[in-house]
Structure formats: C-alpha cells, structure tokens
Amino acid sequence: MKLINIGFGNMVNADRVITIVSPDSAPIKRLIQDAREKGALIDASYGRRTQAVLIMDSDHVILSGIALDSITGRFAQEEKEE
C-alpha cells in the first residue's frame, strides 16, 4: 500500500484513487454535491479553497486544499521510485 500526502498531514492510498480533477467545472461540482448528500464526501481542505478533487474507487470524493499539480507530482514521483 502506497500512501500519498494530499496536504495538511492527510494521506490516501494511491492504489484506490481513480482520478484527480479540478473542482471548477459544473459536473464536478454536481459530483461533490451528490457525494455530500450520500455522506461519501471527505473534506481534507482544512477550510481552505478546494484546489483538487480525488475520486476514489469506493465512490468517496475527497477535497484537497493543495494544488492539483502538487498532488499529481507526488503520484508521479511515487511511481518513479518503484
């Protein structure tokens, strides 16, 4: 199991992440609202503006307050180390 830091000491299992997207589009905003209503939303942004949305294979949606590029860079670095 590879854990990736998504900001503020929060970690996710890299093997369970389906995609990482920007929160700006209307479909992603609807996805976030649907996850909130289902109780499947995890807000790991610590009150900061959401800059990245992680979609997990368990249908959970995780909000992160660090930049999308930073998170994807961490995933790429983790894969390179293997």
N, C-alpha and C. Protein backbone atom coordinates (compact mmCIF):
# COMPACT_ATOMS: atom_id res chain seq x y z
N MET A 1 0.85 -1.18 0.00
CA MET A 1 0.00 0.00 0.00
C MET A 1 0.89 1.23 0.00
N LYS A 2 0.67 2.10 -0.99
CA LYS A 2 1.41 3.35 -1.09
C LYS A 2 0.51 4.49 -0.65
N LEU A 3 0.96 5.26 0.31
CA LEU A 3 0.20 6.41 0.78
C LEU A 3 0.78 7.69 0.18
N ILE A 4 -0.10 8.56 -0.28
CA ILE A 4 0.29 9.83 -0.88
C ILE A 4 -0.26 10.95 -0.01
N ASN A 5 0.57 11.93 0.31
CA ASN A 5 0.16 13.07 1.10
C ASN A 5 -0.66 14.01 0.23
N ILE A 6 -1.89 14.30 0.67
CA ILE A 6 -2.75 15.22 -0.09
C ILE A 6 -2.88 16.56 0.63
N GLY A 7 -2.00 16.80 1.58
CA GLY A 7 -1.97 18.09 2.25
C GLY A 7 -2.40 18.03 3.69
N PHE A 8 -1.73 18.83 4.51
CA PHE A 8 -2.07 19.00 5.92
C PHE A 8 -2.01 17.69 6.70
N GLY A 9 -1.09 16.82 6.31
CA GLY A 9 -0.90 15.55 7.01
C GLY A 9 -1.90 14.47 6.64
N ASN A 10 -2.74 14.71 5.66
CA ASN A 10 -3.72 13.72 5.22
C ASN A 10 -3.12 12.85 4.13
N MET A 11 -3.37 11.56 4.23
CA MET A 11 -2.82 10.60 3.28
C MET A 11 -3.94 9.79 2.64
N VAL A 12 -3.74 9.39 1.39
CA VAL A 12 -4.68 8.49 0.71
C VAL A 12 -3.90 7.32 0.14
N ASN A 13 -4.58 6.20 0.00
CA ASN A 13 -4.00 5.02 -0.61
C ASN A 13 -3.94 5.26 -2.12
N ALA A 14 -2.75 5.32 -2.67
CA ALA A 14 -2.57 5.63 -4.09
C ALA A 14 -3.24 4.60 -5.00
N ASP A 15 -3.34 3.37 -4.55
CA ASP A 15 -3.93 2.32 -5.37
C ASP A 15 -5.45 2.45 -5.50
N ARG A 16 -6.07 3.24 -4.64
CA ARG A 16 -7.54 3.36 -4.63
C ARG A 16 -8.03 4.60 -5.37
N VAL A 17 -7.11 5.47 -5.80
CA VAL A 17 -7.50 6.70 -6.49
C VAL A 17 -7.78 6.39 -7.95
N ILE A 18 -8.96 6.81 -8.42
CA ILE A 18 -9.31 6.64 -9.83
C ILE A 18 -8.81 7.83 -10.63
N THR A 19 -9.10 9.03 -10.15
CA THR A 19 -8.69 10.23 -10.87
C THR A 19 -8.56 11.42 -9.91
N ILE A 20 -7.83 12.41 -10.35
CA ILE A 20 -7.70 13.67 -9.63
C ILE A 20 -8.09 14.77 -10.61
N VAL A 21 -9.06 15.59 -10.23
CA VAL A 21 -9.58 16.60 -11.15
C VAL A 21 -9.66 17.97 -10.48
N SER A 22 -9.81 18.98 -11.29
CA SER A 22 -10.01 20.34 -10.82
C SER A 22 -11.47 20.51 -10.39
N PRO A 23 -11.74 21.29 -9.36
CA PRO A 23 -13.11 21.44 -8.87
C PRO A 23 -13.94 22.50 -9.61
N ASP A 24 -13.44 23.04 -10.69
CA ASP A 24 -14.06 24.21 -11.31
C ASP A 24 -15.24 23.93 -12.22
N SER A 25 -15.35 22.74 -12.80
CA SER A 25 -16.42 22.51 -13.78
C SER A 25 -17.74 22.16 -13.08
N ALA A 26 -18.82 22.43 -13.77
CA ALA A 26 -20.15 22.16 -13.23
C ALA A 26 -20.38 20.67 -12.94
N PRO A 27 -19.95 19.75 -13.81
CA PRO A 27 -20.15 18.33 -13.48
C PRO A 27 -19.42 17.89 -12.20
N ILE A 28 -18.25 18.43 -11.97
CA ILE A 28 -17.50 18.08 -10.75
C ILE A 28 -18.19 18.68 -9.54
N LYS A 29 -18.72 19.87 -9.67
CA LYS A 29 -19.46 20.49 -8.56
C LYS A 29 -20.70 19.66 -8.22
N ARG A 30 -21.39 19.12 -9.25
CA ARG A 30 -22.54 18.25 -9.00
C ARG A 30 -22.10 16.96 -8.34
N LEU A 31 -20.96 16.41 -8.77
CA LEU A 31 -20.42 15.18 -8.17
C LEU A 31 -20.12 15.40 -6.69
N ILE A 32 -19.54 16.55 -6.35
CA ILE A 32 -19.24 16.89 -4.96
C ILE A 32 -20.54 16.99 -4.15
N GLN A 33 -21.54 17.66 -4.71
CA GLN A 33 -22.81 17.81 -4.00
C GLN A 33 -23.49 16.46 -3.80
N ASP A 34 -23.46 15.61 -4.81
CA ASP A 34 -24.05 14.27 -4.68
C ASP A 34 -23.34 13.46 -3.60
N ALA A 35 -22.01 13.54 -3.56
CA ALA A 35 -21.25 12.82 -2.54
C ALA A 35 -21.58 13.37 -1.15
N ARG A 36 -21.76 14.68 -1.04
CA ARG A 36 -22.13 15.29 0.25
C ARG A 36 -23.48 14.76 0.73
N GLU A 37 -24.43 14.67 -0.18
CA GLU A 37 -25.77 14.18 0.17
C GLU A 37 -25.75 12.70 0.56
N LYS A 38 -24.89 11.92 -0.08
CA LYS A 38 -24.78 10.48 0.23
C LYS A 38 -23.94 10.21 1.47
N GLY A 39 -23.22 11.22 1.95
CA GLY A 39 -22.33 11.02 3.08
C GLY A 39 -20.99 10.42 2.68
N ALA A 40 -20.63 10.57 1.42
CA ALA A 40 -19.40 10.00 0.90
C ALA A 40 -18.35 11.06 0.58
N LEU A 41 -18.53 12.27 1.12
CA LEU A 41 -17.58 13.35 0.88
C LEU A 41 -16.63 13.47 2.06
N ILE A 42 -15.34 13.56 1.77
CA ILE A 42 -14.32 13.77 2.79
C ILE A 42 -13.64 15.09 2.47
N ASP A 43 -13.79 16.05 3.38
CA ASP A 43 -13.21 17.37 3.17
C ASP A 43 -11.88 17.45 3.90
N ALA A 44 -10.79 17.32 3.14
CA ALA A 44 -9.45 17.38 3.71
C ALA A 44 -8.77 18.70 3.37
N SER A 45 -9.59 19.73 3.12
CA SER A 45 -9.04 21.03 2.72
C SER A 45 -8.75 21.95 3.90
N TYR A 46 -9.21 21.55 5.09
CA TYR A 46 -8.99 22.34 6.31
C TYR A 46 -9.45 23.78 6.17
N GLY A 47 -10.62 23.96 5.54
CA GLY A 47 -11.20 25.28 5.42
C GLY A 47 -10.63 26.14 4.31
N ARG A 48 -9.64 25.65 3.63
CA ARG A 48 -9.07 26.40 2.51
C ARG A 48 -9.89 26.13 1.25
N ARG A 49 -9.63 26.93 0.25
CA ARG A 49 -10.31 26.75 -1.04
C ARG A 49 -9.91 25.40 -1.64
N THR A 50 -10.89 24.65 -2.12
CA THR A 50 -10.62 23.35 -2.73
C THR A 50 -9.89 23.56 -4.05
N GLN A 51 -8.75 22.91 -4.19
CA GLN A 51 -7.96 23.04 -5.43
C GLN A 51 -7.85 21.74 -6.20
N ALA A 52 -8.19 20.62 -5.54
CA ALA A 52 -8.15 19.33 -6.21
C ALA A 52 -9.22 18.43 -5.62
N VAL A 53 -9.80 17.59 -6.48
CA VAL A 53 -10.82 16.64 -6.06
C VAL A 53 -10.33 15.25 -6.45
N LEU A 54 -10.27 14.36 -5.46
CA LEU A 54 -9.84 12.99 -5.71
C LEU A 54 -11.07 12.10 -5.71
N ILE A 55 -11.21 11.31 -6.76
CA ILE A 55 -12.31 10.36 -6.88
C ILE A 55 -11.73 8.98 -6.57
N MET A 56 -12.32 8.31 -5.58
CA MET A 56 -11.80 7.03 -5.13
C MET A 56 -12.64 5.88 -5.71
N ASP A 57 -12.07 4.67 -5.72
CA ASP A 57 -12.79 3.52 -6.26
C ASP A 57 -13.93 3.06 -5.35
N SER A 58 -14.01 3.60 -4.14
CA SER A 58 -15.08 3.27 -3.21
C SER A 58 -16.25 4.25 -3.31
N ASP A 59 -16.25 5.09 -4.35
CA ASP A 59 -17.25 6.15 -4.59
C ASP A 59 -17.14 7.29 -3.59
N HIS A 60 -16.06 7.36 -2.83
CA HIS A 60 -15.82 8.51 -1.97
C HIS A 60 -15.20 9.62 -2.81
N VAL A 61 -15.46 10.85 -2.40
CA VAL A 61 -14.90 12.03 -3.05
C VAL A 61 -14.13 12.78 -1.97
N ILE A 62 -12.86 13.08 -2.25
CA ILE A 62 -12.01 13.76 -1.27
C ILE A 62 -11.62 15.12 -1.82
N LEU A 63 -11.81 16.15 -1.00
CA LEU A 63 -11.43 17.51 -1.37
C LEU A 63 -10.10 17.84 -0.75
N SER A 64 -9.20 18.42 -1.53
CA SER A 64 -7.87 18.79 -1.04
C SER A 64 -7.64 20.28 -1.26
N GLY A 65 -6.96 20.90 -0.31
CA GLY A 65 -6.66 22.31 -0.40
C GLY A 65 -5.32 22.62 -1.02
N ILE A 66 -4.60 21.61 -1.50
CA ILE A 66 -3.33 21.89 -2.18
C ILE A 66 -3.52 21.72 -3.69
N ALA A 67 -2.62 22.30 -4.42
CA ALA A 67 -2.75 22.38 -5.88
C ALA A 67 -2.78 21.02 -6.55
N LEU A 68 -3.56 20.94 -7.60
CA LEU A 68 -3.69 19.74 -8.41
C LEU A 68 -2.32 19.27 -8.91
N ASP A 69 -1.49 20.21 -9.37
CA ASP A 69 -0.17 19.87 -9.89
C ASP A 69 0.72 19.26 -8.81
N SER A 70 0.59 19.74 -7.58
CA SER A 70 1.39 19.21 -6.48
C SER A 70 1.04 17.76 -6.20
N ILE A 71 -0.26 17.47 -6.18
CA ILE A 71 -0.70 16.09 -5.90
C ILE A 71 -0.29 15.16 -7.03
N THR A 72 -0.52 15.57 -8.28
CA THR A 72 -0.14 14.71 -9.40
C THR A 72 1.37 14.50 -9.44
N GLY A 73 2.13 15.51 -9.06
CA GLY A 73 3.58 15.36 -8.98
C GLY A 73 3.99 14.33 -7.94
N ARG A 74 3.28 14.29 -6.84
CA ARG A 74 3.58 13.30 -5.80
C ARG A 74 3.27 11.88 -6.28
N PHE A 75 2.18 11.74 -7.05
CA PHE A 75 1.86 10.43 -7.62
C PHE A 75 2.94 10.00 -8.61
N ALA A 76 3.37 10.93 -9.46
CA ALA A 76 4.40 10.62 -10.46
C ALA A 76 5.72 10.26 -9.78
N GLN A 77 6.06 10.98 -8.73
CA GLN A 77 7.30 10.69 -8.01
C GLN A 77 7.24 9.32 -7.37
N GLU A 78 6.09 8.97 -6.81
CA GLU A 78 5.92 7.66 -6.17
C GLU A 78 6.07 6.54 -7.19
N GLU A 79 5.51 6.71 -8.38
CA GLU A 79 5.63 5.70 -9.42
C GLU A 79 7.07 5.57 -9.91
N LYS A 80 7.78 6.68 -9.98
CA LYS A 80 9.17 6.69 -10.45
C LYS A 80 10.07 5.95 -9.46
N GLU A 81 9.77 6.01 -8.19
CA GLU A 81 10.58 5.37 -7.17
C GLU A 81 10.46 3.85 -7.17
N GLU A 82 9.41 3.34 -7.83
CA GLU A 82 9.20 1.88 -7.84
C GLU A 82 10.17 1.19 -8.72
